[in-house]
C-alpha atoms as a PDB file:
ATOM      1  CA  PHE A   1       6.999  16.002  12.686  1.00  0.00           C
ATOM      2  CA  GLU A   2       6.117  18.151  15.642  1.00  0.00           C
ATOM      3  CA  LEU A   3       4.489  15.102  17.241  1.00  0.00           C
ATOM      4  CA  ILE A   4       7.632  13.011  16.658  1.00  0.00           C
ATOM      5  CA  GLU A   5       9.827  15.691  18.234  1.00  0.00           C
ATOM      6  CA  HIS A   6       7.458  15.878  21.193  1.00  0.00           C
ATOM      7  CA  LEU A   7       7.339  12.085  21.709  1.00  0.00           C
ATOM      8  CA  SER A   8      11.032  11.523  21.003  1.00  0.00           C
ATOM      9  CA  PRO A   9      13.029  14.667  21.860  1.00  0.00           C
ATOM     10  CA  GLY A  10      16.220  14.915  19.864  1.00  0.00           C
ATOM     11  CA  SER A  11      14.734  13.399  16.704  1.00  0.00           C
ATOM     12  CA  PHE A  12      15.871  16.498  14.847  1.00  0.00           C
ATOM     13  CA  GLU A  13      19.113  18.411  15.182  1.00  0.00           C
ATOM     14  CA  PHE A  14      17.492  21.224  17.179  1.00  0.00           C
ATOM     15  CA  ALA A  15      16.574  19.090  20.218  1.00  0.00           C
ATOM     16  CA  MET A  16      15.011  21.050  23.093  1.00  0.00           C
ATOM     17  CA  GLU A  17      13.141  20.346  26.314  1.00  0.00           C
ATOM     18  CA  THR A  18       9.989  22.122  25.145  1.00  0.00           C
ATOM     19  CA  LEU A  19       8.695  22.953  21.716  1.00  0.00           C
ATOM     20  CA  PRO A  20       8.576  26.705  21.200  1.00  0.00           C
ATOM     21  CA  LYS A  21       6.574  28.092  18.296  1.00  0.00           C
ATOM     22  CA  GLU A  22       9.737  28.428  16.188  1.00  0.00           C
ATOM     23  CA  VAL A  23      10.288  24.656  16.264  1.00  0.00           C
ATOM     24  CA  GLY A  24       6.801  24.069  14.875  1.00  0.00           C
ATOM     25  CA  TYR A  25       7.641  26.349  11.955  1.00  0.00           C
ATOM     26  CA  LYS A  26      10.927  24.523  11.384  1.00  0.00           C
ATOM     27  CA  LEU A  27       9.155  21.157  11.387  1.00  0.00           C
ATOM     28  CA  GLY A  28       6.585  22.488   8.922  1.00  0.00           C
ATOM     29  CA  TYR A  29       9.408  23.825   6.771  1.00  0.00           C
ATOM     30  CA  PHE A  30      11.164  20.448   6.894  1.00  0.00           C
ATOM     31  CA  SER A  31       7.924  18.678   5.891  1.00  0.00           C
ATOM     32  CA  LEU A  32       7.393  21.031   2.943  1.00  0.00           C
ATOM     33  CA  VAL A  33      10.984  20.746   1.719  1.00  0.00           C
ATOM     34  CA  THR A  34      10.827  16.946   2.002  1.00  0.00           C
ATOM     35  CA  LEU A  35       7.363  16.578   0.441  1.00  0.00           C
ATOM     36  CA  THR A  36       8.252  18.726  -2.553  1.00  0.00           C
ATOM     37  CA  THR A  37      11.538  16.804  -3.011  1.00  0.00           C
ATOM     38  CA  VAL A  38      13.619  20.008  -2.869  1.00  0.00           C
ATOM     39  CA  GLY A  39      15.762  18.574  -0.067  1.00  0.00           C
ATOM     40  CA  TYR A  40      17.932  21.523   0.978  1.00  0.00           C
ATOM     41  CA  GLY A  41      19.497  19.461   3.775  1.00  0.00           C
ATOM     42  CA  ASP A  42      19.642  22.248   6.342  1.00  0.00           C
ATOM     43  CA  ILE A  43      17.396  20.269   8.728  1.00  0.00           C
ATOM     44  CA  SER A  44      17.516  16.493   8.963  1.00  0.00           C
ATOM     45  CA  PRO A  45      16.020  13.842  11.255  1.00  0.00           C
ATOM     46  CA  GLN A  46      18.507  12.250  13.653  1.00  0.00           C
ATOM     47  CA  THR A  47      16.607   9.222  15.032  1.00  0.00           C
ATOM     48  CA  ASN A  48      15.375   6.099  13.268  1.00  0.00           C
ATOM     49  CA  LEU A  49      11.746   7.109  13.803  1.00  0.00           C
ATOM     50  CA  GLY A  50      12.346  10.565  12.332  1.00  0.00           C
ATOM     51  CA  GLN A  51      14.167   9.083   9.354  1.00  0.00           C
ATOM     52  CA  MET A  52      11.373   6.564   8.723  1.00  0.00           C
ATOM     53  CA  VAL A  53       8.717   9.283   8.758  1.00  0.00           C
ATOM     54  CA  ALA A  54      10.868  11.474   6.486  1.00  0.00           C
ATOM     55  CA  ALA A  55      11.240   8.554   4.059  1.00  0.00           C
ATOM     56  CA  ALA A  56       7.467   8.032   4.050  1.00  0.00           C
ATOM     57  CA  ILE A  57       6.895  11.715   3.306  1.00  0.00           C
ATOM     58  CA  MET A  58       9.471  11.576   0.499  1.00  0.00           C
ATOM     59  CA  MET A  59       7.565   8.701  -1.095  1.00  0.00           C
ATOM     60  CA  LEU A  60       4.294  10.583  -0.636  1.00  0.00           C
ATOM     61  CA  GLY A  61       5.816  13.665  -2.271  1.00  0.00           C
ATOM     62  CA  TYR A  62       6.942  11.560  -5.213  1.00  0.00           C
ATOM     63  CA  ALA A  63       3.510   9.991  -5.579  1.00  0.00           C
ATOM     64  CA  ILE A  64       1.668  13.306  -5.354  1.00  0.00           C
ATOM     65  CA  ILE A  65       3.889  15.248  -7.755  1.00  0.00           C
ATOM     66  CA  ALA A  66       5.888  13.064 -10.133  1.00  0.00           C
ATOM     67  CA  ILE A  67       3.553  10.198 -10.993  1.00  0.00           C
ATOM     68  CA  PRO A  68       0.473  12.260 -11.986  1.00  0.00           C
ATOM     69  CA  THR A  69       2.698  14.620 -13.990  1.00  0.00           C
ATOM     70  CA  GLY A  70       4.059  11.686 -15.989  1.00  0.00           C
ATOM     71  CA  ILE A  71       0.587  10.265 -16.583  1.00  0.00           C
ATOM     72  CA  VAL A  72      -0.822  13.590 -17.793  1.00  0.00           C
ATOM     73  CA  THR A  73       2.177  14.188 -20.069  1.00  0.00           C
ATOM     74  CA  MET A  74       1.868  10.720 -21.583  1.00  0.00           C
ATOM     75  CA  GLU A  75      -1.863  11.150 -22.270  1.00  0.00           C
ATOM     76  CA  LEU A  76      -1.331  14.577 -23.845  1.00  0.00           C
ATOM     77  CA  SER A  77       1.359  13.221 -26.164  1.00  0.00           C
ATOM     78  CA  ARG A  78      -0.873  10.280 -27.134  1.00  0.00           C
ATOM     79  CA  ALA A  79      -3.755  12.613 -27.962  1.00  0.00           C
ATOM     80  CA  ARG A  80      -1.454  14.813 -30.035  1.00  0.00           C
ATOM     81  CA  GLY A  81      -0.146  11.756 -31.896  1.00  0.00           C
ATOM     82  CA  ARG A  82      -3.684  10.648 -32.728  1.00  0.00           C
ATOM     83  CA  MET A  83      -4.533  14.155 -33.955  1.00  0.00           C
ATOM     84  CA  ALA A  84      -1.584  14.250 -36.340  1.00  0.00           C
ATOM     85  CA  VAL A  85      -2.540  10.908 -37.931  1.00  0.00           C
ATOM     86  CA  ARG A  86      -6.046  11.996 -38.948  1.00  0.00           C
ATOM     87  CA  ARG A  87      -5.863  13.428 -42.499  1.00  0.00           C
ATOM     88  CA  CYS A  88      -8.411  14.892 -44.869  1.00  0.00           C
ATOM     89  CA  VAL A  89      -9.041  12.780 -47.985  1.00  0.00           C
ATOM     90  CA  ASN A  90      -9.721  15.913 -50.048  1.00  0.00           C
ATOM     91  CA  CYS A  91      -6.694  18.148 -49.244  1.00  0.00           C
ATOM     92  CA  SER A  92      -4.438  15.707 -47.317  1.00  0.00           C
ATOM     93  CA  GLU A  93      -4.015  18.143 -44.399  1.00  0.00           C
ATOM     94  CA  GLY A  94      -3.576  16.616 -40.941  1.00  0.00           C
ATOM     95  CA  GLY A  95      -3.933  17.726 -37.341  1.00  0.00           C
ATOM     96  CA  HIS A  96      -7.692  17.549 -37.060  1.00  0.00           C
ATOM     97  CA  ASP A  97      -9.433  17.258 -33.701  1.00  0.00           C
ATOM     98  CA  LEU A  98     -10.507  13.739 -32.774  1.00  0.00           C
ATOM     99  CA  ASP A  99     -14.201  14.697 -32.785  1.00  0.00           C
ATOM    100  CA  ALA A 100     -14.057  16.850 -35.967  1.00  0.00           C
ATOM    101  CA  ALA A 101     -16.585  16.074 -38.699  1.00  0.00           C
ATOM    102  CA  HIS A 102     -15.130  18.472 -41.311  1.00  0.00           C
ATOM    103  CA  CYS A 103     -11.634  19.502 -42.422  1.00  0.00           C
ATOM    104  CA  LYS A 104     -10.240  22.672 -40.811  1.00  0.00           C
ATOM    105  CA  TRP A 105      -8.754  23.875 -44.104  1.00  0.00           C
ATOM    106  CA  CYS A 106     -11.048  22.871 -46.977  1.00  0.00           C
ATOM    107  CA  GLY A 107     -14.304  22.054 -45.157  1.00  0.00           C
ATOM    108  CA  ALA A 108     -14.671  18.589 -46.703  1.00  0.00           C
ATOM    109  CA  ARG A 109     -16.320  15.858 -44.644  1.00  0.00           C
ATOM    110  CA  LEU A 110     -13.772  13.695 -42.802  1.00  0.00           C
END
């Protein structure tokens, strides 16, 4: 975002002639807030270019955080569902590990 502000001054609400160090921190802060989808709204892009880049970072934040979290959660629930189905023929207890050869409770072969 610092590059956008440099190439197109006024892209953000704190438009200035030069970019002091504080602006770089604010742009980094804006990127972090946007990428993590917190979206406080205290800094926002004002130009079309700034808004397009912010939208791209929002999509990137969604892809990096939300999608893998959903995939991992789904796989964990599937594995747990498969574990609960596996029952011992000797004692009828369930919840055995997928690679278990013997029952956790009675020791019988699965």
